[in-house]
Amino acid sequence: MQLLLFAPSLHAQSAGQVEFSRGVGFAQTPGQGPRTLGKGLELREGDRLTTSDGGSAVIKLQDGTRMTVRPNSELVLQEYRFKESAPQDNSFLMQLVRGGFRAVTGTIAKSSPNAAKVQTNTATIGIRGTDFDARICTRDCAAEASRVTESARPNAVAASAKIVEVTGEVNAVDPAGQRRRVVAGGSIYPGDTVETSPNTQAVMAFRDESKITLGSQTRFRVDNFVFDQKNAGEGRFLVSLLRGSARALTGLIGKANTRNVGFSTPTATIGIRGTGFDVSFDELRGTQLWTWLGSIEVAQGLTALQVLQAGQGLFLPLSGPPQLITNQPSIEGKQPDQVNVDNKQLFSSDNSSDASEGLFVFVRDGHIELVSAKEIMHLGKNEAGSVGNDGTTSRPVNIPKFLDFDTVPLPDSKNPLLVSILGESGIGKVCK
C-alpha cells in the first residue's frame, strides 16, 4: 500500500518534464509523495513545484512553453490541457504562490487570448503569447536591487498605440513579416501593419492622444511614429490606409505641428489641420473622404486638389476627375471622439520603487494583462508593471533592477548551469 502513494495518478495528464535542475527542489502530485526535481522528471497536471534557497529548475511543457522556476519559489500546475488536434480546448492555469519564474510561452498562449493564465493572491496574469518574468516580492526583491551597481533603464512604452476596443479578430504584421494576434490592450509598434478580419472593428489609442477606428477587412500601417510628451511639435505621425476604412481624430502632434502628421492611401495624401475625418479605400473604386471636425488638405501625387472643411467630402476615383460629396457616407465603427480613453493608464509611469511589495512583471516580448480586483493594466514589449498587495496597479518610471538584472538563467539558455554560476559570481550581466 505504501508504494501506491508514490505511483503516478491515473487521471493526471502529463504536462511536460524537467530539463535542468540545480539545488533542492520537488514536484508533488496531490495525494502522493514528493518527487525530486531532476532532468527528465515527468511533470503532471496538478503538480506543486517548490525550490529551496539556491535551487532552480528549467521545465518544458508539451505545448512548447518553457519556464525557469526561481529559487525559493512555489507554483502549482493547476490545469493543463493540450491537444494539437483540438486547439480550441487547450488551457493552461498556473498558481504562483511565492517566488517567481521566467517564461517563454508556447502554443496554448498563442492560440487563444484567454487560454493561458497565472493566478496570484493579488492579481491574475493573462498571457497573450509572450516572453516574460513574474515575481512576488516581499523584502527580497529590494535586497537584490540594492546589490546591482548598474543604472536602471527607463520603463518607456515602445508602442505607438494600443488597441482599446475590439470586436472580431485583429492581427498585426511587423516589418519582418511576423504575424501576431492582437486583442484589447495589445500594442501596435512603428512599422506594424494592422489587419482586421470580416465583421471586425477596432479602436487604436495613440500615445499622443490620437484615436483611430478601423473597419472590417482593413489594412492599416503605422509608417512612422515619434512622440515626446515634452516636445510634441518635434513628433512624427505618418500612417497609411492600404485597404478598407478608418475614422481618425488627430492628437497632440497634430495640434503642435500639422506638417508632421500625414495620412495616405494608394491614391491620395491627406494633410491635417487639427482634424476628425473618415477615409476609405476600395481597390476597385478609389478613395473616399469626409471631414467632421476641423479641415484636411487632399493631394493626388504632387497636385493639391481640395481643402475640405467640416461637413465636406471628396471621392477620388481610380480614373476620372475628383467628385465632391455633400452627404456624409456611412462608414463602420464608432466616431473616435466618442470613445473614452485613459491615456495615463495606458502609457504613463509613476514613482513606485524597487522596495515596493506585490506582484511584478517584466515583458521581454508579447503582451501581458494584469487584472486585480481594482484595476487592469496592459504591458507590451520591454514594459514593466506591478500590482500592490492592495490591488493597485503601477507602471514604474524605471525597470526594477531585480528584474532587469536577474541572474537566474532564462528558460531558453543553452547552458543554464554556467549562466547560474557566472551570475552568482558577479561575472557578466544576465538580464535578457
Protein backbone atom coordinates (compact mmCIF):
# COMPACT_ATOMS: atom_id res chain seq x y z
CA MET A 1 0.00 0.00 0.00
CA GLN A 2 2.85 2.36 0.76
CA LEU A 3 4.16 2.02 -2.82
CA LEU A 4 0.85 3.27 -4.19
CA LEU A 5 1.42 6.62 -2.52
CA PHE A 6 4.27 7.25 -4.98
CA ALA A 7 2.63 5.81 -8.07
CA PRO A 8 1.61 8.21 -10.86
CA SER A 9 -2.00 9.31 -10.82
CA LEU A 10 -4.08 7.51 -13.41
CA HIS A 11 -6.08 10.69 -14.02
CA ALA A 12 -3.34 13.36 -14.09
CA GLN A 13 -2.40 14.39 -17.61
CA SER A 14 1.29 14.54 -18.43
CA ALA A 15 2.21 18.22 -18.65
CA GLY A 16 5.91 18.13 -19.51
CA GLN A 17 9.26 17.40 -17.95
CA VAL A 18 12.25 18.90 -16.17
CA GLU A 19 15.13 19.86 -18.47
CA PHE A 20 17.54 21.21 -15.86
CA SER A 21 17.68 21.49 -12.09
CA ARG A 22 20.09 22.83 -9.54
CA GLY A 23 19.93 22.60 -5.78
CA VAL A 24 16.96 21.18 -3.92
CA GLY A 25 13.51 21.11 -5.45
CA PHE A 26 10.43 18.89 -5.54
CA ALA A 27 7.33 18.15 -7.58
CA GLN A 28 4.32 16.73 -5.79
CA THR A 29 1.04 15.44 -7.21
CA PRO A 30 -1.92 15.78 -4.78
CA GLY A 31 -2.24 12.68 -2.60
CA GLN A 32 1.25 11.43 -3.44
CA GLY A 33 4.75 11.82 -2.12
CA PRO A 34 7.22 14.45 -3.35
CA ARG A 35 9.50 13.68 -6.33
CA THR A 36 12.94 15.27 -6.51
CA LEU A 37 13.32 17.70 -9.39
CA GLY A 38 15.88 16.29 -11.80
CA LYS A 39 16.48 16.18 -15.52
CA GLY A 40 13.88 14.04 -17.28
CA LEU A 41 11.37 14.02 -14.40
CA GLU A 42 7.82 13.89 -15.76
CA LEU A 43 5.51 16.67 -14.63
CA ARG A 44 1.73 16.20 -14.33
CA GLU A 45 -1.34 18.35 -14.17
CA GLY A 46 -1.86 19.30 -10.52
CA ASP A 47 1.82 19.15 -9.58
CA ARG A 48 3.10 21.59 -6.96
CA LEU A 49 6.68 22.64 -7.72
CA THR A 50 8.89 24.01 -4.97
CA THR A 51 12.51 25.16 -4.93
CA SER A 52 14.70 25.93 -1.95
CA ASP A 53 17.17 28.74 -1.40
CA GLY A 54 19.69 28.34 -4.21
CA GLY A 55 17.51 25.84 -6.06
CA SER A 56 16.09 26.35 -9.56
CA ALA A 57 14.69 24.31 -12.41
CA VAL A 58 14.00 24.70 -16.11
CA ILE A 59 10.86 22.91 -17.25
CA LYS A 60 9.38 22.36 -20.70
CA LEU A 61 5.66 21.76 -21.16
CA GLN A 62 4.11 19.79 -24.00
CA ASP A 63 2.95 22.85 -25.95
CA GLY A 64 6.49 24.24 -26.02
CA THR A 65 6.16 26.57 -23.02
CA ARG A 66 9.45 26.82 -21.14
CA MET A 67 9.88 28.19 -17.62
CA THR A 68 12.71 28.74 -15.19
CA VAL A 69 11.41 28.31 -11.64
CA ARG A 70 13.40 30.71 -9.45
CA PRO A 71 14.90 29.92 -6.02
CA ASN A 72 12.55 29.97 -3.02
CA SER A 73 9.53 29.58 -5.25
CA GLU A 74 6.31 27.62 -5.21
CA LEU A 75 3.89 27.19 -8.08
CA VAL A 76 1.09 24.80 -8.99
CA LEU A 77 0.26 23.46 -12.46
CA GLN A 78 -3.39 23.63 -11.55
CA GLU A 79 -4.82 22.92 -15.02
CA TYR A 80 -3.06 21.78 -18.17
CA ARG A 81 -4.93 20.65 -21.27
CA PHE A 82 -3.12 20.35 -24.59
CA LYS A 83 -4.01 18.56 -27.80
CA GLU A 84 -2.64 19.68 -31.13
CA SER A 85 -5.76 18.32 -32.85
CA ALA A 86 -8.15 20.41 -30.69
CA PRO A 87 -6.58 23.85 -30.04
CA GLN A 88 -9.96 25.31 -29.04
CA ASP A 89 -9.95 23.07 -25.95
CA ASN A 90 -6.40 23.84 -24.82
CA SER A 91 -5.91 25.62 -21.49
CA PHE A 92 -3.16 26.40 -19.01
CA LEU A 93 -3.81 27.70 -15.48
CA MET A 94 -0.98 28.06 -13.01
CA GLN A 95 -0.88 29.39 -9.46
CA LEU A 96 2.17 31.34 -8.33
CA VAL A 97 2.20 31.01 -4.55
CA ARG A 98 5.59 32.62 -3.81
CA GLY A 99 8.82 33.48 -5.56
CA GLY A 100 8.77 33.73 -9.32
CA PHE A 101 9.61 32.37 -12.74
CA ARG A 102 10.89 33.35 -16.17
CA ALA A 103 8.84 32.10 -19.11
CA VAL A 104 8.72 31.79 -22.88
CA THR A 105 5.19 30.67 -23.73
CA GLY A 106 4.19 28.10 -26.33
CA THR A 107 1.24 27.07 -28.45
CA ILE A 108 -1.54 27.36 -25.85
CA ALA A 109 -0.94 31.05 -25.12
CA LYS A 110 -0.56 31.87 -28.80
CA SER A 111 -3.67 30.03 -29.99
CA SER A 112 -6.25 31.82 -27.84
CA PRO A 113 -6.09 35.11 -25.87
CA ASN A 114 -7.80 33.63 -22.80
CA ALA A 115 -6.30 30.13 -22.75
CA ALA A 116 -3.26 30.77 -20.51
CA LYS A 117 -3.35 32.45 -17.09
CA VAL A 118 -1.31 32.67 -13.90
CA GLN A 119 -3.10 33.39 -10.63
CA THR A 120 -1.56 35.05 -7.57
CA ASN A 121 -3.06 36.39 -4.35
CA THR A 122 -3.19 39.93 -5.71
CA ALA A 123 -3.81 39.59 -9.46
CA THR A 124 -4.26 37.32 -12.44
CA ILE A 125 -1.73 37.40 -15.27
CA GLY A 126 -3.36 36.96 -18.66
CA ILE A 127 -0.78 35.63 -21.12
CA ARG A 128 -1.21 36.58 -24.76
CA GLY A 129 1.74 34.68 -26.23
CA THR A 130 4.85 36.22 -24.76
CA ASP A 131 8.29 36.14 -23.16
CA PHE A 132 8.15 37.48 -19.60
CA ASP A 133 9.20 37.32 -15.94
CA ALA A 134 6.92 37.33 -12.89
CA ARG A 135 7.93 37.83 -9.25
CA ILE A 136 6.03 38.02 -5.98
CA CYS A 137 8.13 40.43 -3.95
CA THR A 138 8.48 40.94 -0.25
CA ARG A 139 11.74 42.32 1.08
CA ASP A 140 13.86 40.00 -1.06
CA CYS A 141 13.45 41.99 -4.29
CA ALA A 142 14.59 45.25 -2.71
CA ALA A 143 17.65 43.48 -1.31
CA GLU A 144 18.54 42.14 -4.77
CA ALA A 145 18.09 45.56 -6.35
CA SER A 146 20.38 47.19 -3.78
CA ARG A 147 23.25 44.93 -4.86
CA VAL A 148 23.05 45.98 -8.52
CA THR A 149 25.57 48.73 -9.33
CA GLU A 150 24.38 49.40 -12.90
CA SER A 151 21.97 52.23 -13.63
CA ALA A 152 18.29 51.45 -14.05
CA ARG A 153 16.79 51.64 -17.56
CA PRO A 154 13.75 53.82 -18.24
CA ASN A 155 10.48 51.90 -18.34
CA ALA A 156 9.42 53.63 -21.57
CA VAL A 157 6.42 52.45 -23.57
CA ALA A 158 7.72 51.48 -27.01
CA ALA A 159 4.28 51.06 -28.58
CA SER A 160 2.89 53.75 -30.85
CA ALA A 161 -0.65 52.76 -29.90
CA LYS A 162 -2.71 50.22 -28.04
CA ILE A 163 -5.98 48.57 -29.00
CA VAL A 164 -8.63 49.86 -26.58
CA GLU A 165 -11.77 48.33 -28.11
CA VAL A 166 -12.16 45.40 -30.48
CA THR A 167 -14.91 43.17 -31.81
CA GLY A 168 -13.76 40.32 -34.02
CA GLU A 169 -10.16 39.36 -34.83
CA VAL A 170 -7.24 41.74 -35.32
CA ASN A 171 -3.71 40.79 -36.38
CA ALA A 172 -0.52 42.82 -36.73
CA VAL A 173 2.32 42.08 -39.13
CA ASP A 174 5.72 43.55 -38.21
CA PRO A 175 8.30 44.77 -40.77
CA ALA A 176 9.96 41.33 -40.74
CA GLY A 177 6.69 39.69 -41.79
CA GLN A 178 5.94 38.11 -38.40
CA ARG A 179 2.20 37.94 -37.71
CA ARG A 180 0.64 38.10 -34.23
CA ARG A 181 -2.89 38.20 -32.85
CA VAL A 182 -3.75 41.50 -31.13
CA VAL A 183 -6.51 41.67 -28.53
CA ALA A 184 -7.80 44.53 -26.38
CA GLY A 185 -4.82 46.13 -24.62
CA GLY A 186 -2.37 44.84 -27.22
CA SER A 187 0.40 47.07 -28.57
CA ILE A 188 0.97 48.40 -32.08
CA TYR A 189 4.55 49.40 -32.94
CA PRO A 190 6.13 51.58 -35.68
CA GLY A 191 6.19 49.63 -38.94
CA ASP A 192 3.29 47.36 -37.97
CA THR A 193 0.52 46.68 -40.48
CA VAL A 194 -2.77 46.15 -38.66
CA GLU A 195 -5.27 43.83 -40.35
CA THR A 196 -8.91 43.40 -39.36
CA SER A 197 -11.00 40.37 -40.27
CA PRO A 198 -14.58 40.41 -41.65
CA ASN A 199 -17.17 41.77 -39.17
CA THR A 200 -14.42 43.38 -37.11
CA GLN A 201 -13.96 46.88 -35.73
CA ALA A 202 -11.07 48.08 -33.59
CA VAL A 203 -10.17 51.37 -31.91
CA MET A 204 -6.50 52.32 -31.54
CA ALA A 205 -5.37 54.92 -28.99
CA PHE A 206 -2.00 56.53 -29.74
CA ARG A 207 0.42 57.95 -27.20
CA ASP A 208 -0.16 61.50 -28.49
CA GLU A 209 -3.93 61.09 -27.82
CA SER A 210 -4.83 60.45 -31.47
CA LYS A 211 -7.55 57.83 -31.91
CA ILE A 212 -8.37 55.78 -34.98
CA THR A 213 -11.28 53.39 -35.55
CA LEU A 214 -10.65 50.65 -38.13
CA GLY A 215 -13.48 48.99 -40.03
CA SER A 216 -13.64 45.37 -41.12
CA GLN A 217 -11.29 43.88 -43.73
CA THR A 218 -8.94 46.84 -43.31
CA ARG A 219 -5.16 47.03 -43.70
CA PHE A 220 -3.60 49.99 -41.89
CA ARG A 221 0.12 50.66 -41.50
CA VAL A 222 1.97 52.81 -38.94
CA ASP A 223 4.75 54.16 -41.14
CA ASN A 224 6.42 56.42 -38.59
CA PHE A 225 5.51 57.45 -35.07
CA VAL A 226 7.73 59.52 -32.79
CA PHE A 227 6.37 61.29 -29.73
CA ASP A 228 7.81 63.04 -26.68
CA GLN A 229 5.24 64.49 -24.31
CA LYS A 230 7.58 67.41 -23.55
CA ASN A 231 8.15 68.30 -27.21
CA ALA A 232 5.10 67.27 -29.25
CA GLY A 233 5.98 69.64 -32.08
CA GLU A 234 9.00 67.51 -32.99
CA GLY A 235 6.92 64.35 -33.19
CA ARG A 236 6.01 62.38 -36.30
CA PHE A 237 2.68 60.73 -37.14
CA LEU A 238 2.67 59.10 -40.59
CA VAL A 239 0.20 56.32 -41.38
CA SER A 240 -1.25 54.61 -44.46
CA LEU A 241 -4.66 53.11 -45.16
CA LEU A 242 -3.87 50.31 -47.60
CA ARG A 243 -7.40 48.91 -47.78
CA GLY A 244 -10.73 49.31 -46.02
CA SER A 245 -11.85 52.19 -43.80
CA ALA A 246 -10.71 54.34 -40.88
CA ARG A 247 -12.16 57.12 -38.75
CA ALA A 248 -9.43 59.38 -37.36
CA LEU A 249 -9.13 62.02 -34.64
CA THR A 250 -5.70 63.66 -34.53
CA GLY A 251 -3.91 64.33 -31.24
CA LEU A 252 -1.12 66.37 -29.69
CA ILE A 253 1.36 66.06 -32.57
CA GLY A 254 -1.19 67.47 -34.99
CA LYS A 255 -2.10 70.28 -32.63
CA ALA A 256 1.56 71.27 -32.17
CA ASN A 257 2.75 70.91 -35.78
CA THR A 258 0.30 69.93 -38.53
CA ARG A 259 3.15 69.46 -41.02
CA ASN A 260 4.37 66.42 -39.09
CA VAL A 261 1.12 64.48 -39.45
CA GLY A 262 0.18 62.67 -42.64
CA PHE A 263 -2.36 60.07 -43.76
CA SER A 264 -2.14 58.38 -47.13
CA THR A 265 -3.99 55.89 -49.30
CA PRO A 266 -2.69 54.35 -52.55
CA THR A 267 -4.31 57.26 -54.46
CA ALA A 268 -4.26 60.23 -52.08
CA THR A 269 -2.26 62.08 -49.44
CA ILE A 270 -4.11 63.81 -46.60
CA GLY A 271 -2.69 66.70 -44.62
CA ILE A 272 -4.46 67.67 -41.42
CA ARG A 273 -5.20 70.89 -39.54
CA GLY A 274 -6.43 69.56 -36.19
CA THR A 275 -8.95 67.18 -37.52
CA GLY A 276 -11.57 64.47 -37.37
CA PHE A 277 -12.30 62.71 -40.64
CA ASP A 278 -13.34 59.44 -42.25
CA VAL A 279 -11.41 57.78 -45.07
CA SER A 280 -11.98 54.60 -47.05
CA PHE A 281 -10.13 52.99 -49.92
CA ASP A 282 -11.55 50.40 -52.30
CA GLU A 283 -9.08 48.76 -54.66
CA LEU A 284 -11.71 48.75 -57.43
CA ARG A 285 -13.15 52.25 -56.92
CA GLY A 286 -10.76 54.63 -55.17
CA THR A 287 -10.56 56.88 -52.09
CA GLN A 288 -13.48 58.48 -50.29
CA LEU A 289 -13.10 61.24 -47.67
CA TRP A 290 -15.39 63.08 -45.28
CA THR A 291 -14.41 65.70 -42.69
CA TRP A 292 -16.44 66.00 -39.50
CA LEU A 293 -14.08 68.21 -37.45
CA GLY A 294 -11.53 70.83 -38.46
CA SER A 295 -10.20 70.58 -42.00
CA ILE A 296 -7.99 68.44 -44.23
CA GLU A 297 -5.96 69.12 -47.35
CA VAL A 298 -6.15 66.43 -50.02
CA ALA A 299 -3.46 65.89 -52.66
CA GLN A 300 -3.08 63.40 -55.50
CA GLY A 301 0.57 62.88 -56.32
CA LEU A 302 2.16 66.34 -56.35
CA THR A 303 -1.13 68.06 -57.14
CA ALA A 304 -3.08 69.75 -54.35
CA LEU A 305 -6.75 69.09 -55.00
CA GLN A 306 -9.01 70.39 -52.28
CA VAL A 307 -9.25 71.73 -48.75
CA LEU A 308 -12.22 70.07 -47.03
CA GLN A 309 -13.87 71.82 -44.10
CA ALA A 310 -16.11 70.06 -41.58
CA GLY A 311 -19.21 68.78 -43.37
CA GLN A 312 -17.47 68.37 -46.74
CA GLY A 313 -16.33 65.24 -48.58
CA LEU A 314 -14.47 64.12 -51.70
CA PHE A 315 -14.33 61.00 -53.83
CA LEU A 316 -11.16 60.26 -55.81
CA PRO A 317 -11.90 57.51 -58.34
CA LEU A 318 -9.14 55.35 -59.77
CA SER A 319 -9.77 57.09 -63.07
CA GLY A 320 -11.56 60.31 -63.82
CA PRO A 321 -11.89 63.66 -62.02
CA PRO A 322 -12.49 64.10 -58.25
CA GLN A 323 -16.10 64.39 -57.15
CA LEU A 324 -17.41 66.46 -54.23
CA ILE A 325 -19.60 64.66 -51.67
CA THR A 326 -22.40 66.59 -49.98
CA ASN A 327 -23.79 63.90 -47.64
CA GLN A 328 -21.76 62.03 -45.02
CA PRO A 329 -21.14 58.47 -46.24
CA SER A 330 -21.96 55.55 -43.98
CA ILE A 331 -18.78 54.08 -42.50
CA GLU A 332 -18.15 51.31 -39.98
CA GLY A 333 -17.22 51.83 -36.35
CA LYS A 334 -17.53 54.49 -33.68
CA GLN A 335 -16.52 58.05 -34.36
CA PRO A 336 -13.32 58.14 -32.27
CA ASP A 337 -14.19 61.32 -30.36
CA GLN A 338 -16.99 59.24 -28.78
CA VAL A 339 -14.53 56.67 -27.39
CA ASN A 340 -13.29 57.38 -23.85
CA VAL A 341 -9.61 56.57 -23.39
CA ASP A 342 -7.44 56.88 -20.27
CA ASN A 343 -4.05 57.61 -21.84
CA LYS A 344 -2.44 57.95 -18.43
CA GLN A 345 -3.41 54.40 -17.53
CA LEU A 346 -2.27 53.09 -20.92
CA PHE A 347 1.08 54.81 -21.25
CA SER A 348 2.26 56.85 -18.25
CA SER A 349 4.64 55.88 -15.44
CA ASP A 350 4.77 56.62 -11.72
CA ASN A 351 7.33 56.76 -8.96
CA SER A 352 6.91 53.28 -7.44
CA SER A 353 10.25 51.89 -6.23
CA ASP A 354 12.14 48.60 -6.17
CA ALA A 355 11.28 48.41 -2.47
CA SER A 356 7.54 48.03 -3.15
CA GLU A 357 5.88 44.71 -2.36
CA GLY A 358 3.46 42.76 -4.53
CA LEU A 359 3.46 41.17 -7.98
CA PHE A 360 5.98 42.46 -10.55
CA VAL A 361 6.04 41.56 -14.25
CA PHE A 362 8.54 42.41 -16.99
CA VAL A 363 7.68 41.66 -20.63
CA ARG A 364 10.57 40.97 -22.99
CA ASP A 365 8.20 40.39 -25.90
CA GLY A 366 4.45 39.98 -26.45
CA HIS A 367 1.50 41.16 -24.35
CA ILE A 368 0.55 40.65 -20.70
CA GLU A 369 -2.69 41.65 -18.98
CA LEU A 370 -2.61 42.23 -15.21
CA VAL A 371 -6.05 42.03 -13.61
CA SER A 372 -6.62 42.84 -9.94
CA ALA A 373 -9.83 43.40 -8.01
CA LYS A 374 -9.38 47.15 -8.61
CA GLU A 375 -7.70 47.71 -11.97
CA ILE A 376 -6.47 46.27 -15.25
CA MET A 377 -3.05 47.03 -16.73
CA HIS A 378 -1.70 46.01 -20.14
CA LEU A 379 2.03 45.60 -20.71
CA GLY A 380 3.82 45.33 -24.05
CA LYS A 381 7.38 44.69 -25.19
CA ASN A 382 10.07 45.97 -22.77
CA GLU A 383 7.48 47.21 -20.27
CA ALA A 384 7.37 46.51 -16.54
CA GLY A 385 4.39 46.80 -14.22
CA SER A 386 3.27 45.79 -10.77
CA VAL A 387 0.20 45.12 -8.66
CA GLY A 388 0.48 46.03 -4.99
CA ASN A 389 -0.92 43.94 -2.17
CA ASP A 390 -3.92 46.31 -2.12
CA GLY A 391 -4.69 45.57 -5.80
CA THR A 392 -3.43 48.92 -7.15
CA THR A 393 -1.53 48.72 -10.45
CA SER A 394 1.65 50.69 -11.10
CA ARG A 395 4.00 51.32 -14.03
CA PRO A 396 7.37 52.33 -12.52
CA VAL A 397 9.46 55.06 -14.19
CA ASN A 398 12.43 52.67 -14.36
CA ILE A 399 12.50 48.92 -14.90
CA PRO A 400 13.08 47.37 -11.46
CA LYS A 401 16.71 46.27 -11.18
CA PHE A 402 15.84 42.90 -9.67
CA LEU A 403 14.00 42.12 -12.93
CA ASP A 404 16.32 43.78 -15.42
CA PHE A 405 19.47 42.28 -13.90
CA ASP A 406 18.15 38.88 -12.88
CA THR A 407 21.00 36.33 -12.62
CA VAL A 408 18.69 33.31 -12.87
CA PRO A 409 19.04 31.81 -16.38
CA LEU A 410 16.31 32.30 -18.95
CA PRO A 411 14.43 29.12 -19.86
CA ASP A 412 15.94 29.04 -23.37
CA SER A 413 19.51 29.45 -22.11
CA LYS A 414 21.88 26.98 -23.84
CA ASN A 415 23.93 26.42 -20.69
CA PRO A 416 21.82 27.25 -17.59
CA LEU A 417 24.39 25.84 -15.16
CA LEU A 418 27.15 28.08 -16.46
CA VAL A 419 24.85 31.09 -16.53
CA SER A 420 23.83 30.40 -12.92
CA ILE A 421 27.41 30.12 -11.71
CA LEU A 422 28.56 33.25 -13.55
CA GLY A 423 25.57 35.22 -12.32
CA GLU A 424 26.11 34.24 -8.70
CA SER A 425 29.82 35.11 -9.03
CA GLY A 426 29.02 38.56 -10.38
CA ILE A 427 30.75 37.79 -13.69
CA GLY A 428 28.76 39.07 -16.62
CA LYS A 429 25.30 40.55 -16.78
CA VAL A 430 22.22 38.34 -17.10
CA CYS A 431 19.18 40.48 -17.76
CA LYS A 432 17.60 39.48 -21.06
